[in-house]
C-alpha cells in the first residue's frame, strides 16, 4: 500500500477523461500523467507517457514486478526513452497491493483479494482506445510477476498483439486465445526468484513455451543461436516465438544498468532490440 500511495502522489498531471482530438500533435499531456479509475469497486491507477507527435500511436503496456511500482519499472526497463524515441504511447499500470493475480495461486495480496487484474488491464486498454488515438497494436511487457501478467493478459484478452517478458512466464494450464502473436521471453539461468525450471511458486517456462507453440502453430525444431551470454531458440509459425536464456543473469532486465546491452550480441536488449527486431517486423507484415 505504501508503494502505491507514493506512486499515485508523484504525478501532478492527470490523464484526461476525454480529448477533443487525441490524434492531433500535442493533444495529450506531456511528460508523465496519472490515470485514476475504479475497477471492480476498487480504486486503480496507471501512469501514461504520451508522444508529442500526431497519432495514431502504437501502445506499450509495461507491468512491474512483485512488490515494486510502475514508475520504477518504466524507467528501469528503459521503455520511457525508447517510447519517446519511437513515438509510442507508454502505459504503466499499478498492480493491486503492488502484485498481480496471474493464476496458479500467484501472487501475494492480489490473489488473496481475488483481484480481477485481467479486467483492470482491459479497462486501461479501453481508456487508451478512447483517449490515446492508438493504431490498434499493443505490446504487453513486464518482468517477474509482471511478465507473468503479460502472458496471462495475452492469453485471456484480444487487446494484446505481442508479449516481451523477462523472468516470468505463463502460469495457466491453457492459453485460450487462438490468435497468433509474437512472444519474446528472457530468463536468467541464475534467477532464483522464478527459476526457469519452476518452483513451489511458479510453473516451469517449458510448459508456457509449449502452449505458445500450439497457439502460434509452430512445428519442428527451433533455430538455436548463441552469442555472448545469450542462448536463444526461435520458432517461426503463424507468429514468432523467441526464448532466450541469459547465462549468469539473475532476476534483472536485459539492457538495464544492472545488465547492460552488449552491442555485439543481437537481442541482448529486451526493450529496443526485442521490439525492433522481432515484434515490429511481424506487426508491419501482419497488422
Protein backbone atom coordinates (compact mmCIF):
# COMPACT_ATOMS: atom_id res chain seq x y z
CA UNK A 1 0.00 0.00 0.00
CA UNK A 2 2.83 2.43 0.80
CA UNK A 3 4.36 1.87 -2.62
CA UNK A 4 1.02 2.52 -4.32
CA UNK A 5 0.43 5.77 -2.41
CA UNK A 6 3.90 7.07 -3.16
CA UNK A 7 3.44 6.26 -6.83
CA UNK A 8 0.00 7.86 -7.05
CA UNK A 9 1.05 11.08 -5.34
CA UNK A 10 4.08 11.60 -7.56
CA UNK A 11 2.25 12.71 -10.72
CA UNK A 12 0.74 16.20 -10.81
CA UNK A 13 -0.67 15.84 -14.35
CA UNK A 14 -3.89 13.84 -14.67
CA UNK A 15 -4.73 11.82 -17.78
CA UNK A 16 -7.95 13.26 -19.23
CA UNK A 17 -11.32 11.51 -19.40
CA UNK A 18 -11.92 13.00 -22.85
CA UNK A 19 -9.71 14.52 -25.56
CA UNK A 20 -11.24 16.63 -28.34
CA UNK A 21 -8.83 15.35 -30.99
CA UNK A 22 -6.50 12.75 -29.48
CA UNK A 23 -4.75 12.21 -32.83
CA UNK A 24 -3.57 15.82 -33.05
CA UNK A 25 0.05 16.70 -32.27
CA UNK A 26 0.41 17.91 -28.69
CA UNK A 27 -3.19 16.97 -27.79
CA UNK A 28 -2.16 14.64 -24.97
CA UNK A 29 -0.43 15.58 -21.69
CA UNK A 30 3.32 15.95 -21.99
CA UNK A 31 5.61 14.03 -19.66
CA UNK A 32 4.22 11.69 -17.02
CA UNK A 33 0.45 11.67 -16.41
CA UNK A 34 -1.67 9.74 -13.92
CA UNK A 35 -4.87 7.88 -14.76
CA UNK A 36 -7.20 7.12 -11.86
CA UNK A 37 -10.20 4.86 -12.31
CA UNK A 38 -12.47 2.42 -10.50
CA UNK A 39 -12.48 -1.22 -11.47
CA UNK A 40 -14.47 -3.94 -9.74
CA UNK A 41 -15.28 -1.47 -6.98
CA UNK A 42 -11.60 -0.79 -6.25
CA UNK A 43 -9.57 2.39 -6.98
CA UNK A 44 -6.86 1.60 -9.53
CA UNK A 45 -4.28 3.70 -11.36
CA UNK A 46 -1.74 3.77 -14.17
CA UNK A 47 0.94 6.11 -15.44
CA UNK A 48 0.98 7.37 -19.04
CA UNK A 49 3.73 8.85 -21.19
CA UNK A 50 2.39 10.21 -24.48
CA UNK A 51 4.42 11.28 -27.52
CA UNK A 52 4.01 14.81 -28.82
CA UNK A 53 3.74 13.71 -32.45
CA UNK A 54 0.34 13.21 -34.08
CA UNK A 55 -1.30 9.80 -33.93
CA UNK A 56 -2.16 7.07 -34.44
CA UNK A 57 0.26 5.53 -31.94
CA UNK A 58 1.42 2.01 -31.11
CA UNK A 59 0.93 1.24 -27.40
CA UNK A 60 3.23 -0.41 -24.84
CA UNK A 61 1.77 -1.60 -21.52
CA UNK A 62 4.65 -2.22 -19.11
CA UNK A 63 3.94 -4.31 -15.97
CA UNK A 64 6.07 -4.09 -12.82
CA UNK A 65 7.49 -6.95 -10.76
CA UNK A 66 6.21 -8.26 -7.41
CA UNK A 67 6.14 -5.52 -4.74
CA UNK A 68 7.65 -2.84 -6.97
CA UNK A 69 5.92 0.07 -8.69
CA UNK A 70 5.14 1.39 -12.19
CA UNK A 71 7.43 4.41 -12.39
CA UNK A 72 10.49 2.43 -11.38
CA UNK A 73 9.73 -0.32 -13.89
CA UNK A 74 9.12 2.13 -16.74
CA UNK A 75 12.49 3.84 -16.25
CA UNK A 76 14.41 0.72 -15.16
CA UNK A 77 13.45 -1.16 -18.32
CA UNK A 78 14.27 1.92 -20.45
CA UNK A 79 10.82 1.99 -22.00
CA UNK A 80 10.43 5.71 -21.23
CA UNK A 81 13.25 6.84 -23.59
CA UNK A 82 12.55 4.10 -26.15
CA UNK A 83 8.86 5.00 -26.31
CA UNK A 84 9.73 8.68 -26.70
CA UNK A 85 12.20 7.97 -29.50
CA UNK A 86 9.75 5.73 -31.35
CA UNK A 87 6.66 7.89 -30.65
CA UNK A 88 4.91 5.10 -28.73
CA UNK A 89 2.24 5.62 -26.08
CA UNK A 90 3.64 4.05 -22.89
CA UNK A 91 1.33 2.89 -20.09
CA UNK A 92 2.48 1.55 -16.69
CA UNK A 93 -0.43 0.19 -14.61
CA UNK A 94 -0.20 -0.39 -10.87
CA UNK A 95 -0.86 -3.88 -9.52
CA UNK A 96 -3.22 -4.21 -6.58
CA UNK A 97 -1.07 -4.01 -3.43
CA UNK A 98 1.85 -3.92 -5.89
CA UNK A 99 1.15 -7.51 -7.03
CA UNK A 100 -0.58 -9.24 -9.95
CA UNK A 101 -3.05 -12.13 -9.90
CA UNK A 102 -1.56 -14.37 -12.60
CA UNK A 103 -3.08 -17.78 -11.78
CA UNK A 104 -1.57 -20.86 -10.12
CA UNK A 105 -2.00 -19.20 -6.71
CA UNK A 106 0.44 -16.40 -7.58
CA UNK A 107 0.99 -13.81 -6.31
CA UNK A 108 0.58 -12.20 -2.90
CA UNK A 109 -2.28 -9.89 -1.95
CA UNK A 110 -3.75 -9.79 -5.46
CA UNK A 111 -4.59 -13.48 -5.12
CA UNK A 112 -5.85 -13.11 -1.55
CA UNK A 113 -8.18 -10.32 -2.73
CA UNK A 114 -9.21 -12.21 -5.89
CA UNK A 115 -8.11 -9.19 -7.90
CA UNK A 116 -9.54 -9.00 -11.43
CA UNK A 117 -6.29 -7.84 -12.98
CA UNK A 118 -7.14 -9.06 -16.48
CA UNK A 119 -10.34 -6.98 -16.35
CA UNK A 120 -8.41 -3.99 -14.99
CA UNK A 121 -5.94 -4.14 -17.88
CA UNK A 122 -8.82 -4.41 -20.36
CA UNK A 123 -10.29 -1.28 -18.76
CA UNK A 124 -6.97 0.55 -19.11
CA UNK A 125 -6.79 -0.52 -22.77
CA UNK A 126 -10.31 0.79 -23.32
CA UNK A 127 -9.28 4.18 -21.90
CA UNK A 128 -6.29 4.18 -24.25
CA UNK A 129 -8.61 3.42 -27.15
CA UNK A 130 -10.93 6.34 -26.29
CA UNK A 131 -8.30 8.98 -25.48
CA UNK A 132 -4.93 7.96 -26.96
CA UNK A 133 -5.51 7.53 -30.72
CA UNK A 134 -3.96 4.04 -30.82
CA UNK A 135 -3.09 2.17 -34.01
CA UNK A 136 -4.70 -0.98 -32.61
CA UNK A 137 -1.28 -2.57 -31.99
CA UNK A 138 -0.50 -3.16 -28.30
CA UNK A 139 2.58 -4.74 -26.73
CA UNK A 140 2.34 -6.20 -23.20
CA UNK A 141 5.69 -6.38 -21.44
CA UNK A 142 6.93 -6.92 -17.90
CA UNK A 143 9.34 -8.62 -15.54
CA UNK A 144 8.78 -11.35 -12.93
CA UNK A 145 5.21 -11.17 -11.62
CA UNK A 146 4.54 -8.51 -14.28
CA UNK A 147 5.88 -10.76 -17.01
CA UNK A 148 3.51 -13.48 -15.82
CA UNK A 149 0.64 -10.99 -16.01
CA UNK A 150 1.62 -10.00 -19.55
CA UNK A 151 1.36 -13.69 -20.54
CA UNK A 152 -1.99 -14.12 -18.79
CA UNK A 153 -3.47 -10.98 -20.32
CA UNK A 154 -2.35 -12.05 -23.79
CA UNK A 155 -3.94 -15.49 -23.30
CA UNK A 156 -7.27 -14.17 -21.96
CA UNK A 157 -7.82 -10.93 -23.89
CA UNK A 158 -7.93 -9.77 -27.50
CA UNK A 159 -6.23 -6.47 -26.62
CA UNK A 160 -2.65 -7.78 -26.71
CA UNK A 161 -0.76 -8.06 -30.02
CA UNK A 162 2.70 -9.10 -28.74
CA UNK A 163 4.48 -10.01 -25.49
CA UNK A 164 8.03 -9.31 -24.30
CA UNK A 165 8.61 -10.87 -20.88
CA UNK A 166 11.57 -11.25 -18.54
CA UNK A 167 11.80 -13.90 -15.83
CA UNK A 168 8.06 -14.52 -15.53
CA UNK A 169 6.08 -16.83 -17.84
CA UNK A 170 2.52 -18.07 -18.21
CA UNK A 171 1.07 -19.55 -15.01
CA UNK A 172 -2.06 -21.05 -16.57
CA UNK A 173 -2.64 -24.57 -17.85
CA UNK A 174 -4.13 -23.27 -21.09
CA UNK A 175 -3.75 -20.32 -23.43
CA UNK A 176 -7.29 -19.99 -24.73
CA UNK A 177 -6.73 -17.19 -27.24
CA UNK A 178 -6.10 -18.82 -30.65
CA UNK A 179 -4.81 -15.64 -32.34
CA UNK A 180 -1.09 -15.93 -33.11
CA UNK A 181 1.06 -13.06 -31.82
CA UNK A 182 4.84 -12.66 -31.26
CA UNK A 183 6.41 -13.70 -27.95
CA UNK A 184 9.94 -12.83 -26.82
CA UNK A 185 10.93 -14.22 -23.43
CA UNK A 186 14.19 -13.79 -21.46
CA UNK A 187 15.19 -15.85 -18.42
CA UNK A 188 18.41 -15.67 -16.41
CA UNK A 189 19.83 -19.07 -15.56
CA UNK A 190 20.84 -17.67 -12.14
CA UNK A 191 17.30 -16.43 -11.39
CA UNK A 192 16.23 -17.90 -8.03
CA UNK A 193 13.00 -15.92 -7.65
CA UNK A 194 11.25 -17.60 -10.57
CA UNK A 195 13.67 -20.24 -11.90
CA UNK A 196 13.14 -21.35 -15.49
CA UNK A 197 12.64 -24.89 -14.22
CA UNK A 198 9.87 -23.78 -11.88
CA UNK A 199 9.46 -23.99 -8.11
CA UNK A 200 6.70 -24.02 -5.49
CA UNK A 201 5.53 -20.59 -6.67
CA UNK A 202 5.92 -20.84 -10.44
CA UNK A 203 5.30 -23.28 -13.27
CA UNK A 204 8.29 -24.11 -15.49
CA UNK A 205 9.00 -21.97 -18.53
CA UNK A 206 8.95 -25.05 -20.79
CA UNK A 207 5.22 -25.55 -20.11
CA UNK A 208 4.48 -21.98 -21.19
CA UNK A 209 6.54 -22.33 -24.37
CA UNK A 210 4.64 -25.49 -25.32
CA UNK A 211 1.33 -23.65 -25.00
CA UNK A 212 2.64 -20.74 -27.08
CA UNK A 213 3.86 -23.18 -29.73
CA UNK A 214 0.32 -24.55 -30.01
CA UNK A 215 -1.13 -21.05 -30.14
CA UNK A 216 1.31 -19.84 -32.80
CA UNK A 217 1.02 -23.07 -34.79
CA UNK A 218 4.71 -23.86 -34.97
CA UNK A 219 6.19 -27.24 -35.78
CA UNK A 220 9.66 -28.67 -35.99
CA UNK A 221 12.79 -27.82 -34.04
CA UNK A 222 13.79 -24.26 -33.24
CA UNK A 223 16.66 -22.33 -34.76
CA UNK A 224 19.27 -22.05 -32.00
CA UNK A 225 21.84 -19.27 -31.66
CA UNK A 226 24.41 -18.41 -29.02
CA UNK A 227 26.26 -15.12 -28.73
CA UNK A 228 27.97 -13.81 -25.63
CA UNK A 229 25.83 -14.57 -22.59
CA UNK A 230 22.73 -15.19 -24.69
CA UNK A 231 21.44 -18.55 -25.92
CA UNK A 232 18.22 -18.23 -27.91
CA UNK A 233 15.72 -20.54 -29.55
CA UNK A 234 13.38 -19.25 -32.25
CA UNK A 235 10.30 -20.93 -33.70
CA UNK A 236 8.60 -19.41 -36.74
CA UNK A 237 4.99 -20.30 -37.35
CA UNK A 238 1.95 -18.06 -37.65
CA UNK A 239 3.91 -15.71 -35.36
CA UNK A 240 7.46 -15.98 -33.97
CA UNK A 241 8.42 -17.29 -30.54
CA UNK A 242 11.88 -16.37 -29.22
CA UNK A 243 13.08 -17.76 -25.89
CA UNK A 244 16.49 -16.58 -24.66
CA UNK A 245 18.49 -17.89 -21.71
CA UNK A 246 20.85 -15.28 -20.29
CA UNK A 247 23.80 -17.05 -18.70
CA UNK A 248 24.79 -15.72 -15.27
CA UNK A 249 21.83 -13.31 -15.04
CA UNK A 250 19.53 -13.17 -12.02
CA UNK A 251 16.07 -11.57 -12.00
CA UNK A 252 17.04 -8.32 -13.74
CA UNK A 253 16.15 -6.68 -17.05
CA UNK A 254 18.47 -7.31 -20.04
CA UNK A 255 19.52 -3.85 -21.17
CA UNK A 256 19.16 -2.19 -17.75
CA UNK A 257 22.03 -0.68 -15.80
CA UNK A 258 22.21 -3.98 -13.87
CA UNK A 259 22.70 -6.00 -17.09
CA UNK A 260 23.87 -3.59 -19.80
CA UNK A 261 23.31 -4.08 -23.52
CA UNK A 262 26.14 -5.86 -25.33
CA UNK A 263 26.35 -4.13 -28.74
CA UNK A 264 27.96 -7.25 -30.18
CA UNK A 265 25.09 -9.54 -29.14
CA UNK A 266 21.80 -9.41 -31.08
CA UNK A 267 18.71 -9.28 -28.86
CA UNK A 268 20.75 -8.50 -25.73
CA UNK A 269 18.38 -5.57 -25.19
CA UNK A 270 14.94 -6.75 -24.00
CA UNK A 271 13.45 -3.35 -24.85
CA UNK A 272 14.63 -1.77 -28.10
CA UNK A 273 16.11 -4.84 -29.83
CA UNK A 274 13.31 -7.25 -28.90
CA UNK A 275 10.74 -4.75 -30.13
CA UNK A 276 12.56 -3.62 -33.27
CA UNK A 277 13.95 -7.00 -34.37
CA UNK A 278 11.05 -9.35 -33.57
CA UNK A 279 7.78 -7.58 -32.76
CA UNK A 280 7.80 -4.63 -35.15
CA UNK A 281 8.66 -6.57 -38.35
CA UNK A 282 5.82 -9.02 -37.67
CA UNK A 283 3.40 -6.20 -36.88
CA UNK A 284 4.32 -4.37 -40.08
CA UNK A 285 3.75 -7.52 -42.14
CA UNK A 286 0.58 -8.74 -40.43
CA UNK A 287 -1.29 -5.94 -38.62
